[in-house]
Amino acid sequence: MRGIGALFLVVVATVGCSRTFKGNAIQPNPLSKPNETLRHSEKITIVRGDMELEKPDEPSPTQRASVLHNSRYPLINQASFTLVSRDRLRFHVQIDHKWQEWADVRSWDVELIDDQGRRWEPESVEHAKTKIMTTMWDREIQTAQRNRFGDIVALNDDGWKNRQSLGSLSVFRGNGDFVFYQRDLFTRNVRWLKLLVKRSGEAFEFTWNFQDQVASE
């Protein structure tokens, strides 16, 4: 549903050891103009990092190699929903994590909330799967060329003199569908929906705000 929605990403740290990551989307209500609006929502993406997960920055297109500088590996967490009918909603959720158990969407508590304060638990969890993703990179020790101020101005192509093992990093990605069912669960009067995905110490809040008039990008 490109061109009719706006995405906002917010990361909020709460008190204690619990952290809540929030993401928002603005889009038309899927039932406001059923003949013109797709029944697939905007996808909300929350990108977070982990202090134990780092990878080297990629060299620029003009470089064969660059001075080592690590950055946080991005963990991509996403949610969207499909309006199957007014009585049934299917939420597609993705969780990235360094631990396989936490990447399994079935290990999270999930709740759906609307603007009227109504709450639902999923009727079922379907198509749940977890896979491992491994990133590898080549490492070389090269001697540097410096100017009279001590700044590195070039690297010698002599990494072959001191061979290094490949660097690697592995994370887990979990996907699954949470299905909610109730008579008239969704109507054209719903102003927002929030999907709360939580477990001890961590939570994600995905919120869809429905506005009939959304400026095109």
N, C-alpha and C. Protein backbone atom coordinates (compact mmCIF):
# COMPACT_ATOMS: atom_id res chain seq x y z
N MET A 1 0.85 -1.18 0.00
CA MET A 1 0.00 0.00 0.00
C MET A 1 0.89 1.24 0.00
N ARG A 2 1.78 1.31 -0.95
CA ARG A 2 2.74 2.39 -1.01
C ARG A 2 2.07 3.66 -1.50
N GLY A 3 2.61 4.79 -1.01
CA GLY A 3 2.12 6.06 -1.49
C GLY A 3 0.95 6.61 -0.69
N ILE A 4 0.38 5.85 0.26
CA ILE A 4 -0.77 6.34 1.02
C ILE A 4 -0.51 6.30 2.50
N GLY A 5 0.65 5.88 2.91
CA GLY A 5 0.92 5.78 4.34
C GLY A 5 2.23 6.42 4.71
N ALA A 6 2.35 6.71 5.99
CA ALA A 6 3.60 7.27 6.52
C ALA A 6 4.04 6.43 7.69
N LEU A 7 5.35 6.15 7.77
CA LEU A 7 5.89 5.33 8.83
C LEU A 7 6.72 6.17 9.78
N PHE A 8 6.59 5.85 11.06
CA PHE A 8 7.38 6.52 12.08
C PHE A 8 7.98 5.46 12.98
N LEU A 9 9.26 5.60 13.31
CA LEU A 9 9.94 4.67 14.17
C LEU A 9 10.39 5.38 15.43
N VAL A 10 10.07 4.78 16.58
CA VAL A 10 10.44 5.37 17.85
C VAL A 10 10.99 4.27 18.74
N VAL A 11 12.08 4.56 19.44
CA VAL A 11 12.62 3.62 20.40
C VAL A 11 12.54 4.26 21.77
N VAL A 12 11.90 3.58 22.71
CA VAL A 12 11.70 4.12 24.06
C VAL A 12 12.25 3.14 25.07
N ALA A 13 13.09 3.60 25.99
CA ALA A 13 13.59 2.77 27.08
C ALA A 13 12.76 3.05 28.32
N THR A 14 12.25 2.02 28.97
CA THR A 14 11.45 2.19 30.16
C THR A 14 12.30 1.94 31.40
N VAL A 15 11.71 2.13 32.57
CA VAL A 15 12.45 1.99 33.81
C VAL A 15 12.86 0.54 34.02
N GLY A 16 13.88 0.39 34.89
CA GLY A 16 14.35 -0.95 35.21
C GLY A 16 15.07 -1.58 34.03
N CYS A 17 14.98 -2.91 33.96
CA CYS A 17 15.67 -3.65 32.89
C CYS A 17 14.77 -3.92 31.70
N SER A 18 13.49 -3.51 31.78
CA SER A 18 12.56 -3.75 30.69
C SER A 18 12.67 -2.66 29.64
N ARG A 19 12.67 -3.04 28.37
CA ARG A 19 12.75 -2.10 27.27
C ARG A 19 11.58 -2.30 26.34
N THR A 20 10.97 -1.19 25.89
CA THR A 20 9.87 -1.24 24.94
C THR A 20 10.28 -0.47 23.69
N PHE A 21 10.22 -1.14 22.54
CA PHE A 21 10.53 -0.53 21.25
C PHE A 21 9.22 -0.28 20.53
N LYS A 22 9.02 0.95 20.05
CA LYS A 22 7.74 1.33 19.46
C LYS A 22 7.89 1.74 18.00
N GLY A 23 6.94 1.33 17.21
CA GLY A 23 6.87 1.74 15.81
C GLY A 23 5.45 2.08 15.45
N ASN A 24 5.26 3.08 14.58
CA ASN A 24 3.93 3.56 14.21
C ASN A 24 3.79 3.71 12.71
N ALA A 25 2.57 3.56 12.23
CA ALA A 25 2.26 3.81 10.83
C ALA A 25 0.95 4.58 10.76
N ILE A 26 0.83 5.44 9.77
CA ILE A 26 -0.41 6.16 9.49
C ILE A 26 -0.90 5.75 8.12
N GLN A 27 -2.17 5.35 8.05
CA GLN A 27 -2.72 4.88 6.79
C GLN A 27 -4.25 4.99 6.84
N PRO A 28 -4.92 4.89 5.68
CA PRO A 28 -6.38 4.87 5.69
C PRO A 28 -6.91 3.59 6.33
N ASN A 29 -8.10 3.68 6.89
CA ASN A 29 -8.77 2.48 7.40
C ASN A 29 -9.09 1.58 6.21
N PRO A 30 -8.70 0.31 6.27
CA PRO A 30 -8.93 -0.58 5.11
C PRO A 30 -10.39 -0.72 4.70
N LEU A 31 -11.33 -0.36 5.60
CA LEU A 31 -12.75 -0.46 5.27
C LEU A 31 -13.37 0.89 4.89
N SER A 32 -12.57 1.97 4.93
CA SER A 32 -13.14 3.28 4.62
C SER A 32 -13.57 3.36 3.16
N LYS A 33 -12.74 2.81 2.28
CA LYS A 33 -13.08 2.73 0.86
C LYS A 33 -12.68 1.35 0.37
N PRO A 34 -13.48 0.33 0.68
CA PRO A 34 -13.06 -1.06 0.41
C PRO A 34 -12.75 -1.36 -1.05
N ASN A 35 -13.30 -0.57 -1.97
CA ASN A 35 -13.03 -0.83 -3.38
C ASN A 35 -11.73 -0.18 -3.85
N GLU A 36 -11.18 0.73 -3.03
CA GLU A 36 -9.99 1.46 -3.44
C GLU A 36 -8.77 1.15 -2.57
N THR A 37 -8.99 0.60 -1.40
CA THR A 37 -7.90 0.37 -0.44
C THR A 37 -7.59 -1.11 -0.32
N LEU A 38 -6.32 -1.45 -0.44
CA LEU A 38 -5.92 -2.84 -0.26
C LEU A 38 -6.15 -3.27 1.17
N ARG A 39 -6.33 -4.56 1.39
CA ARG A 39 -6.59 -5.07 2.73
C ARG A 39 -5.30 -5.49 3.42
N HIS A 40 -4.18 -5.08 2.88
CA HIS A 40 -2.89 -5.32 3.52
C HIS A 40 -2.40 -4.01 4.12
N SER A 41 -2.02 -4.06 5.36
CA SER A 41 -1.60 -2.84 6.05
C SER A 41 -0.20 -2.40 5.64
N GLU A 42 0.17 -1.20 6.09
CA GLU A 42 1.55 -0.78 6.00
C GLU A 42 2.40 -1.70 6.88
N LYS A 43 3.64 -1.95 6.46
CA LYS A 43 4.57 -2.74 7.27
C LYS A 43 5.34 -1.79 8.18
N ILE A 44 5.33 -2.08 9.47
CA ILE A 44 6.08 -1.29 10.44
C ILE A 44 7.39 -2.00 10.74
N THR A 45 8.48 -1.27 10.64
CA THR A 45 9.81 -1.83 10.88
C THR A 45 10.47 -1.12 12.05
N ILE A 46 10.94 -1.90 13.00
CA ILE A 46 11.70 -1.38 14.14
C ILE A 46 13.09 -1.99 14.06
N VAL A 47 14.10 -1.14 13.89
CA VAL A 47 15.49 -1.59 13.80
C VAL A 47 16.17 -1.31 15.13
N ARG A 48 16.74 -2.32 15.72
CA ARG A 48 17.47 -2.12 16.97
C ARG A 48 18.82 -2.82 16.87
N GLY A 49 19.68 -2.54 17.83
CA GLY A 49 21.00 -3.15 17.86
C GLY A 49 21.23 -3.92 19.14
N ASP A 50 22.35 -4.59 19.20
CA ASP A 50 22.75 -5.32 20.39
C ASP A 50 24.24 -5.07 20.59
N MET A 51 24.63 -4.69 21.80
CA MET A 51 26.01 -4.31 22.04
C MET A 51 26.98 -5.47 21.81
N GLU A 52 26.49 -6.70 21.75
CA GLU A 52 27.34 -7.85 21.50
C GLU A 52 27.43 -8.22 20.02
N LEU A 53 26.66 -7.54 19.19
CA LEU A 53 26.63 -7.85 17.76
C LEU A 53 27.17 -6.68 16.96
N GLU A 54 28.37 -6.83 16.43
CA GLU A 54 29.00 -5.81 15.62
C GLU A 54 29.61 -6.43 14.38
N LYS A 55 29.66 -5.64 13.32
CA LYS A 55 30.32 -6.08 12.08
C LYS A 55 31.06 -4.90 11.49
N PRO A 56 32.11 -5.17 10.71
CA PRO A 56 32.88 -4.07 10.11
C PRO A 56 32.05 -3.30 9.08
N ASP A 57 32.30 -2.00 8.98
CA ASP A 57 31.66 -1.20 7.94
C ASP A 57 32.15 -1.65 6.57
N GLU A 58 31.27 -1.55 5.58
CA GLU A 58 31.65 -1.88 4.22
C GLU A 58 32.56 -0.80 3.65
N PRO A 59 33.58 -1.18 2.86
CA PRO A 59 34.42 -0.17 2.21
C PRO A 59 33.60 0.58 1.16
N SER A 60 34.03 1.78 0.83
CA SER A 60 33.35 2.56 -0.20
C SER A 60 33.56 1.89 -1.56
N PRO A 61 32.72 2.23 -2.54
CA PRO A 61 32.85 1.58 -3.87
C PRO A 61 34.22 1.75 -4.50
N THR A 62 34.96 2.80 -4.13
CA THR A 62 36.28 3.03 -4.73
C THR A 62 37.40 2.37 -3.94
N GLN A 63 37.05 1.72 -2.84
CA GLN A 63 38.06 1.08 -2.00
C GLN A 63 37.98 -0.44 -2.11
N ARG A 64 39.14 -1.06 -2.08
CA ARG A 64 39.19 -2.51 -1.98
C ARG A 64 39.09 -2.93 -0.52
N ALA A 65 39.60 -2.09 0.36
CA ALA A 65 39.57 -2.34 1.80
C ALA A 65 39.52 -1.01 2.52
N SER A 66 39.14 -1.03 3.79
CA SER A 66 39.08 0.19 4.57
C SER A 66 39.60 -0.09 5.98
N VAL A 67 39.95 0.98 6.68
CA VAL A 67 40.40 0.83 8.05
C VAL A 67 39.25 0.26 8.89
N LEU A 68 39.59 -0.67 9.76
CA LEU A 68 38.55 -1.35 10.54
C LEU A 68 37.77 -0.38 11.41
N HIS A 69 36.44 -0.40 11.22
CA HIS A 69 35.54 0.35 12.09
C HIS A 69 34.25 -0.45 12.21
N ASN A 70 33.91 -0.87 13.41
CA ASN A 70 32.73 -1.70 13.62
C ASN A 70 31.48 -0.85 13.84
N SER A 71 30.34 -1.40 13.46
CA SER A 71 29.05 -0.78 13.73
C SER A 71 28.09 -1.85 14.19
N ARG A 72 27.01 -1.44 14.83
CA ARG A 72 26.02 -2.38 15.34
C ARG A 72 25.34 -3.12 14.19
N TYR A 73 25.19 -4.41 14.37
CA TYR A 73 24.48 -5.21 13.37
C TYR A 73 22.98 -4.91 13.52
N PRO A 74 22.28 -4.57 12.43
CA PRO A 74 20.86 -4.21 12.55
C PRO A 74 19.97 -5.43 12.72
N LEU A 75 19.16 -5.43 13.77
CA LEU A 75 18.17 -6.47 14.00
C LEU A 75 16.82 -5.93 13.53
N ILE A 76 16.25 -6.58 12.51
CA ILE A 76 15.05 -6.07 11.83
C ILE A 76 13.81 -6.76 12.40
N ASN A 77 12.95 -5.97 13.04
CA ASN A 77 11.70 -6.49 13.61
C ASN A 77 10.53 -5.82 12.89
N GLN A 78 9.61 -6.61 12.40
CA GLN A 78 8.55 -6.07 11.54
C GLN A 78 7.19 -6.67 11.89
N ALA A 79 6.15 -5.93 11.53
CA ALA A 79 4.79 -6.44 11.67
C ALA A 79 3.90 -5.75 10.64
N SER A 80 2.96 -6.50 10.12
CA SER A 80 1.91 -5.99 9.24
C SER A 80 0.71 -6.89 9.42
N PHE A 81 -0.44 -6.47 8.88
CA PHE A 81 -1.61 -7.33 9.03
C PHE A 81 -2.42 -7.38 7.74
N THR A 82 -3.18 -8.44 7.63
CA THR A 82 -4.10 -8.63 6.52
C THR A 82 -5.51 -8.70 7.07
N LEU A 83 -6.40 -7.89 6.50
CA LEU A 83 -7.80 -7.94 6.89
C LEU A 83 -8.47 -9.07 6.11
N VAL A 84 -8.55 -10.24 6.74
CA VAL A 84 -9.18 -11.39 6.08
C VAL A 84 -10.67 -11.15 5.94
N SER A 85 -11.30 -10.65 7.01
CA SER A 85 -12.71 -10.26 7.03
C SER A 85 -12.90 -9.32 8.20
N ARG A 86 -14.11 -8.80 8.37
CA ARG A 86 -14.39 -7.93 9.51
C ARG A 86 -14.22 -8.68 10.83
N ASP A 87 -14.26 -10.01 10.77
CA ASP A 87 -14.18 -10.82 11.98
C ASP A 87 -12.80 -11.41 12.21
N ARG A 88 -11.92 -11.33 11.23
CA ARG A 88 -10.65 -12.03 11.35
C ARG A 88 -9.50 -11.16 10.82
N LEU A 89 -8.44 -11.04 11.63
CA LEU A 89 -7.23 -10.33 11.25
C LEU A 89 -6.04 -11.27 11.39
N ARG A 90 -5.14 -11.18 10.43
CA ARG A 90 -3.93 -12.00 10.44
C ARG A 90 -2.72 -11.07 10.49
N PHE A 91 -1.93 -11.17 11.57
CA PHE A 91 -0.75 -10.33 11.72
C PHE A 91 0.51 -11.13 11.40
N HIS A 92 1.33 -10.57 10.53
CA HIS A 92 2.58 -11.19 10.11
C HIS A 92 3.71 -10.52 10.90
N VAL A 93 4.43 -11.31 11.68
CA VAL A 93 5.44 -10.77 12.59
C VAL A 93 6.80 -11.38 12.30
N GLN A 94 7.83 -10.54 12.37
CA GLN A 94 9.22 -10.98 12.22
C GLN A 94 10.03 -10.47 13.41
N ILE A 95 10.81 -11.37 14.02
CA ILE A 95 11.67 -11.02 15.15
C ILE A 95 13.10 -11.48 14.84
N ASP A 96 14.07 -10.56 14.94
CA ASP A 96 15.49 -10.90 14.82
C ASP A 96 16.11 -10.88 16.22
N HIS A 97 16.93 -11.90 16.51
CA HIS A 97 17.58 -11.93 17.82
C HIS A 97 18.83 -12.79 17.76
N LYS A 98 19.74 -12.55 18.71
CA LYS A 98 20.97 -13.34 18.76
C LYS A 98 20.71 -14.72 19.35
N TRP A 99 19.58 -14.89 20.07
CA TRP A 99 19.24 -16.17 20.67
C TRP A 99 18.09 -16.81 19.90
N GLN A 100 18.23 -18.09 19.59
CA GLN A 100 17.21 -18.78 18.81
C GLN A 100 15.87 -18.82 19.52
N GLU A 101 15.87 -19.05 20.82
CA GLU A 101 14.61 -19.12 21.56
C GLU A 101 13.84 -17.81 21.47
N TRP A 102 14.56 -16.68 21.55
CA TRP A 102 13.89 -15.39 21.51
C TRP A 102 13.42 -15.03 20.11
N ALA A 103 14.06 -15.58 19.10
CA ALA A 103 13.62 -15.33 17.72
C ALA A 103 12.36 -16.11 17.38
N ASP A 104 12.07 -17.17 18.12
CA ASP A 104 10.87 -17.97 17.89
C ASP A 104 9.66 -17.16 18.32
N VAL A 105 8.79 -16.79 17.37
CA VAL A 105 7.65 -15.93 17.69
C VAL A 105 6.69 -16.60 18.67
N ARG A 106 6.74 -17.93 18.75
CA ARG A 106 5.85 -18.64 19.68
C ARG A 106 6.27 -18.46 21.13
N SER A 107 7.47 -17.93 21.37
CA SER A 107 7.95 -17.74 22.74
C SER A 107 7.54 -16.38 23.30
N TRP A 108 6.82 -15.56 22.50
CA TRP A 108 6.40 -14.24 22.92
C TRP A 108 4.91 -14.23 23.27
N ASP A 109 4.54 -13.37 24.20
CA ASP A 109 3.12 -13.13 24.51
C ASP A 109 2.62 -12.02 23.60
N VAL A 110 1.49 -12.26 22.95
CA VAL A 110 0.98 -11.32 21.96
C VAL A 110 -0.44 -10.91 22.33
N GLU A 111 -0.71 -9.61 22.18
CA GLU A 111 -2.03 -9.07 22.50
C GLU A 111 -2.37 -7.97 21.51
N LEU A 112 -3.65 -7.90 21.12
CA LEU A 112 -4.15 -6.88 20.21
C LEU A 112 -5.06 -5.93 20.98
N ILE A 113 -4.85 -4.62 20.79
CA ILE A 113 -5.63 -3.60 21.50
C ILE A 113 -6.14 -2.60 20.47
N ASP A 114 -7.40 -2.11 20.65
CA ASP A 114 -7.91 -1.07 19.77
C ASP A 114 -8.18 0.21 20.55
N ASP A 115 -8.63 1.26 19.84
CA ASP A 115 -8.81 2.58 20.46
C ASP A 115 -9.93 2.60 21.49
N GLN A 116 -10.80 1.59 21.50
CA GLN A 116 -11.87 1.51 22.49
C GLN A 116 -11.45 0.74 23.74
N GLY A 117 -10.18 0.31 23.77
CA GLY A 117 -9.68 -0.41 24.93
C GLY A 117 -9.99 -1.90 24.92
N ARG A 118 -10.55 -2.37 23.81
CA ARG A 118 -10.82 -3.82 23.70
C ARG A 118 -9.50 -4.56 23.49
N ARG A 119 -9.39 -5.75 24.08
CA ARG A 119 -8.17 -6.54 24.02
C ARG A 119 -8.49 -7.97 23.56
N TRP A 120 -7.59 -8.50 22.76
CA TRP A 120 -7.76 -9.87 22.27
C TRP A 120 -6.44 -10.61 22.34
N GLU A 121 -6.51 -11.89 22.59
CA GLU A 121 -5.35 -12.77 22.46
C GLU A 121 -5.52 -13.56 21.17
N PRO A 122 -4.42 -13.97 20.54
CA PRO A 122 -4.55 -14.66 19.25
C PRO A 122 -5.28 -15.99 19.38
N GLU A 123 -6.10 -16.26 18.37
CA GLU A 123 -6.80 -17.54 18.31
C GLU A 123 -5.83 -18.66 17.96
N SER A 124 -4.82 -18.33 17.16
CA SER A 124 -3.84 -19.35 16.76
C SER A 124 -2.56 -18.67 16.29
N VAL A 125 -1.47 -19.45 16.27
CA VAL A 125 -0.20 -19.02 15.71
C VAL A 125 0.12 -19.97 14.57
N GLU A 126 0.32 -19.44 13.36
CA GLU A 126 0.49 -20.28 12.19
C GLU A 126 1.78 -19.94 11.45
N HIS A 127 2.29 -20.93 10.73
CA HIS A 127 3.47 -20.77 9.86
C HIS A 127 4.69 -20.26 10.61
N ALA A 128 4.83 -20.61 11.87
CA ALA A 128 5.99 -20.17 12.65
C ALA A 128 7.24 -20.93 12.22
N LYS A 129 8.31 -20.20 11.99
CA LYS A 129 9.58 -20.81 11.61
C LYS A 129 10.72 -19.90 12.02
N THR A 130 11.88 -20.51 12.26
CA THR A 130 13.06 -19.77 12.66
C THR A 130 14.24 -20.24 11.81
N LYS A 131 15.04 -19.29 11.35
CA LYS A 131 16.22 -19.65 10.56
C LYS A 131 17.42 -18.88 11.07
N ILE A 132 18.59 -19.43 10.80
CA ILE A 132 19.83 -18.77 11.18
C ILE A 132 20.38 -18.02 9.97
N MET A 133 20.89 -16.81 10.21
CA MET A 133 21.49 -16.00 9.14
C MET A 133 22.93 -15.69 9.53
N THR A 134 23.85 -16.03 8.66
CA THR A 134 25.27 -15.84 8.94
C THR A 134 25.88 -14.85 7.96
N THR A 135 26.56 -13.86 8.49
CA THR A 135 27.29 -12.88 7.68
C THR A 135 28.78 -13.13 7.86
N MET A 136 29.51 -13.16 6.75
CA MET A 136 30.96 -13.40 6.80
C MET A 136 31.68 -12.28 6.08
N TRP A 137 32.90 -11.99 6.53
CA TRP A 137 33.70 -10.96 5.89
C TRP A 137 35.17 -11.34 5.94
N ASP A 138 35.89 -10.83 4.96
CA ASP A 138 37.32 -11.10 4.85
C ASP A 138 38.08 -10.08 5.70
N ARG A 139 39.12 -10.51 6.36
CA ARG A 139 39.94 -9.63 7.19
C ARG A 139 41.38 -9.69 6.73
N GLU A 140 42.01 -8.55 6.64
CA GLU A 140 43.41 -8.47 6.26
C GLU A 140 44.13 -7.48 7.16
N ILE A 141 45.40 -7.75 7.41
CA ILE A 141 46.25 -6.79 8.09
C ILE A 141 47.17 -6.18 7.04
N GLN A 142 46.97 -4.91 6.78
CA GLN A 142 47.76 -4.20 5.78
C GLN A 142 48.56 -3.09 6.45
N THR A 143 49.71 -2.79 5.90
CA THR A 143 50.50 -1.68 6.44
C THR A 143 49.97 -0.37 5.87
N ALA A 144 50.06 0.66 6.67
CA ALA A 144 49.51 1.96 6.29
C ALA A 144 50.59 2.92 5.83
N GLN A 145 50.20 3.81 4.93
CA GLN A 145 51.04 4.92 4.51
C GLN A 145 50.52 6.18 5.19
N ARG A 146 51.39 6.90 5.85
CA ARG A 146 50.98 8.08 6.60
C ARG A 146 51.66 9.34 6.08
N ASN A 147 51.01 10.46 6.24
CA ASN A 147 51.62 11.73 5.89
C ASN A 147 52.45 12.26 7.07
N ARG A 148 53.00 13.43 6.94
CA ARG A 148 53.88 13.95 7.98
C ARG A 148 53.15 14.30 9.27
N PHE A 149 51.80 14.34 9.21
CA PHE A 149 51.02 14.60 10.41
C PHE A 149 50.59 13.32 11.12
N GLY A 150 50.95 12.18 10.52
CA GLY A 150 50.58 10.91 11.12
C GLY A 150 49.25 10.36 10.67
N ASP A 151 48.58 11.05 9.73
CA ASP A 151 47.29 10.59 9.23
C ASP A 151 47.48 9.50 8.18
N ILE A 152 46.60 8.49 8.19
CA ILE A 152 46.66 7.44 7.19
C ILE A 152 46.13 7.97 5.87
N VAL A 153 46.93 7.87 4.84
CA VAL A 153 46.55 8.38 3.52
C VAL A 153 46.35 7.25 2.51
N ALA A 154 46.85 6.08 2.79
CA ALA A 154 46.69 4.95 1.88
C ALA A 154 47.05 3.66 2.61
N LEU A 155 46.60 2.53 2.04
CA LEU A 155 46.91 1.22 2.58
C LEU A 155 47.66 0.43 1.52
N ASN A 156 48.74 -0.23 1.93
CA ASN A 156 49.48 -1.08 1.01
C ASN A 156 48.75 -2.38 0.76
N ASP A 157 48.79 -2.86 -0.46
CA ASP A 157 48.12 -4.12 -0.81
C ASP A 157 49.03 -5.29 -0.44
N ASP A 158 49.25 -5.47 0.86
CA ASP A 158 50.16 -6.52 1.32
C ASP A 158 49.51 -7.41 2.39
N GLY A 159 48.18 -7.55 2.31
CA GLY A 159 47.49 -8.39 3.27
C GLY A 159 47.87 -9.85 3.19
N TRP A 160 48.42 -10.25 2.05
CA TRP A 160 48.81 -11.65 1.86
C TRP A 160 49.98 -12.04 2.76
N LYS A 161 50.68 -11.05 3.31
CA LYS A 161 51.83 -11.36 4.15
C LYS A 161 51.42 -11.95 5.51
N ASN A 162 50.21 -11.63 5.94
CA ASN A 162 49.75 -12.09 7.26
C ASN A 162 48.29 -12.49 7.15
N ARG A 163 48.06 -13.72 6.69
CA ARG A 163 46.70 -14.19 6.44
C ARG A 163 45.89 -14.24 7.73
N GLN A 164 44.58 -13.86 7.62
CA GLN A 164 43.67 -13.88 8.76
C GLN A 164 42.47 -14.77 8.44
N SER A 165 41.88 -15.32 9.48
CA SER A 165 40.68 -16.13 9.28
C SER A 165 39.49 -15.22 8.97
N LEU A 166 38.47 -15.78 8.31
CA LEU A 166 37.27 -15.00 7.99
C LEU A 166 36.54 -14.63 9.27
N GLY A 167 36.00 -13.42 9.29
CA GLY A 167 35.14 -13.01 10.40
C GLY A 167 33.71 -13.45 10.12
N SER A 168 32.93 -13.69 11.15
CA SER A 168 31.54 -14.11 10.94
C SER A 168 30.66 -13.68 12.11
N LEU A 169 29.37 -13.59 11.83
CA LEU A 169 28.38 -13.24 12.83
C LEU A 169 27.09 -13.94 12.45
N SER A 170 26.41 -14.53 13.42
CA SER A 170 25.17 -15.26 13.16
C SER A 170 24.06 -14.74 14.07
N VAL A 171 22.88 -14.55 13.47
CA VAL A 171 21.69 -14.18 14.23
C VAL A 171 20.54 -15.05 13.76
N PHE A 172 19.45 -15.05 14.51
CA PHE A 172 18.29 -15.85 14.17
C PHE A 172 17.13 -14.93 13.77
N ARG A 173 16.37 -15.37 12.80
CA ARG A 173 15.19 -14.64 12.34
C ARG A 173 13.97 -15.55 12.46
N GLY A 174 12.98 -15.07 13.19
CA GLY A 174 11.74 -15.82 13.35
C GLY A 174 10.59 -15.12 12.66
N ASN A 175 9.73 -15.90 12.03
CA ASN A 175 8.53 -15.39 11.36
C ASN A 175 7.32 -16.21 11.77
N GLY A 176 6.17 -15.59 11.74
CA GLY A 176 4.95 -16.32 12.05
C GLY A 176 3.74 -15.41 11.92
N ASP A 177 2.56 -16.03 11.86
CA ASP A 177 1.29 -15.30 11.75
C ASP A 177 0.48 -15.50 13.03
N PHE A 178 -0.04 -14.38 13.55
CA PHE A 178 -0.95 -14.43 14.70
C PHE A 178 -2.34 -14.09 14.19
N VAL A 179 -3.28 -15.00 14.42
CA VAL A 179 -4.63 -14.85 13.89
C VAL A 179 -5.58 -14.49 15.04
N PHE A 180 -6.34 -13.41 14.84
CA PHE A 180 -7.31 -12.95 15.83
C PHE A 180 -8.71 -13.07 15.23
N TYR A 181 -9.65 -13.54 16.04
CA TYR A 181 -11.03 -13.72 15.55
C TYR A 181 -12.03 -13.30 16.61
N GLN A 182 -13.00 -12.50 16.17
CA GLN A 182 -14.16 -12.16 16.98
C GLN A 182 -15.17 -11.47 16.08
N ARG A 183 -16.43 -11.63 16.37
CA ARG A 183 -17.49 -11.00 15.58
C ARG A 183 -17.28 -9.49 15.54
N ASP A 184 -17.26 -8.90 14.34
CA ASP A 184 -17.05 -7.47 14.16
C ASP A 184 -15.79 -6.98 14.87
N LEU A 185 -14.74 -7.74 14.73
CA LEU A 185 -13.46 -7.36 15.33
C LEU A 185 -12.95 -6.04 14.76
N PHE A 186 -13.17 -5.83 13.47
CA PHE A 186 -12.67 -4.63 12.80
C PHE A 186 -13.81 -3.95 12.05
N THR A 187 -13.93 -2.62 12.23
CA THR A 187 -14.95 -1.84 11.53
C THR A 187 -14.30 -0.58 10.96
N ARG A 188 -15.07 0.15 10.17
CA ARG A 188 -14.54 1.39 9.59
C ARG A 188 -14.42 2.51 10.62
N ASN A 189 -14.93 2.28 11.84
CA ASN A 189 -14.83 3.28 12.90
C ASN A 189 -13.60 3.12 13.78
N VAL A 190 -12.84 2.05 13.58
CA VAL A 190 -11.63 1.84 14.38
C VAL A 190 -10.62 2.92 14.03
N ARG A 191 -10.11 3.60 15.05
CA ARG A 191 -9.16 4.69 14.83
C ARG A 191 -7.71 4.25 14.90
N TRP A 192 -7.42 3.23 15.72
CA TRP A 192 -6.07 2.68 15.75
C TRP A 192 -6.09 1.26 16.31
N LEU A 193 -5.06 0.52 15.92
CA LEU A 193 -4.82 -0.83 16.43
C LEU A 193 -3.38 -0.91 16.91
N LYS A 194 -3.19 -1.61 18.03
CA LYS A 194 -1.84 -1.80 18.56
C LYS A 194 -1.59 -3.28 18.79
N LEU A 195 -0.50 -3.78 18.22
CA LEU A 195 -0.09 -5.16 18.46
C LEU A 195 1.07 -5.13 19.46
N LEU A 196 0.86 -5.73 20.61
CA LEU A 196 1.87 -5.77 21.66
C LEU A 196 2.50 -7.15 21.68
N VAL A 197 3.82 -7.20 21.43
CA VAL A 197 4.58 -8.44 21.40
C VAL A 197 5.61 -8.34 22.53
N LYS A 198 5.48 -9.17 23.55
CA LYS A 198 6.32 -8.95 24.74
C LYS A 198 6.76 -10.27 25.36
N ARG A 199 7.83 -10.18 26.13
CA ARG A 199 8.31 -11.23 27.00
C ARG A 199 9.14 -10.55 28.08
N SER A 200 9.59 -11.29 29.06
CA SER A 200 10.29 -10.71 30.19
C SER A 200 11.50 -9.89 29.73
N GLY A 201 11.49 -8.60 30.08
CA GLY A 201 12.62 -7.74 29.79
C GLY A 201 12.56 -7.00 28.47
N GLU A 202 11.62 -7.33 27.59
CA GLU A 202 11.61 -6.70 26.27
C GLU A 202 10.21 -6.74 25.68
N ALA A 203 9.86 -5.69 24.93
CA ALA A 203 8.54 -5.63 24.30
C ALA A 203 8.62 -4.79 23.03
N PHE A 204 7.75 -5.11 22.07
CA PHE A 204 7.57 -4.34 20.85
C PHE A 204 6.12 -3.89 20.77
N GLU A 205 5.93 -2.62 20.44
CA GLU A 205 4.59 -2.09 20.21
C GLU A 205 4.50 -1.61 18.76
N PHE A 206 3.62 -2.25 17.99
CA PHE A 206 3.37 -1.86 16.60
C PHE A 206 1.98 -1.23 16.56
N THR A 207 1.90 0.04 16.17
CA THR A 207 0.62 0.76 16.19
C THR A 207 0.28 1.30 14.81
N TRP A 208 -0.94 1.01 14.36
CA TRP A 208 -1.47 1.53 13.10
C TRP A 208 -2.54 2.56 13.41
N ASN A 209 -2.31 3.80 12.97
CA ASN A 209 -3.27 4.88 13.13
C ASN A 209 -4.01 5.08 11.82
N PHE A 210 -5.34 5.06 11.88
CA PHE A 210 -6.14 5.12 10.66
C PHE A 210 -6.70 6.51 10.45
N GLN A 211 -6.32 7.13 9.32
CA GLN A 211 -6.81 8.43 8.92
C GLN A 211 -7.24 8.35 7.48
N ASP A 212 -8.45 8.86 7.18
CA ASP A 212 -8.97 8.77 5.83
C ASP A 212 -8.16 9.59 4.85
N GLN A 213 -7.64 10.73 5.30
CA GLN A 213 -6.88 11.61 4.42
C GLN A 213 -5.41 11.52 4.78
N VAL A 214 -4.63 10.81 3.98
CA VAL A 214 -3.20 10.67 4.18
C VAL A 214 -2.49 11.20 2.94
N ALA A 215 -1.59 12.14 3.14
CA ALA A 215 -0.90 12.75 2.00
C ALA A 215 -0.02 11.73 1.30
N SER A 216 -0.03 11.77 -0.01
CA SER A 216 0.83 10.88 -0.79
C SER A 216 2.26 11.35 -0.69
N GLU A 217 3.19 10.39 -0.73
CA GLU A 217 4.61 10.74 -0.68
C GLU A 217 5.07 11.29 -2.02
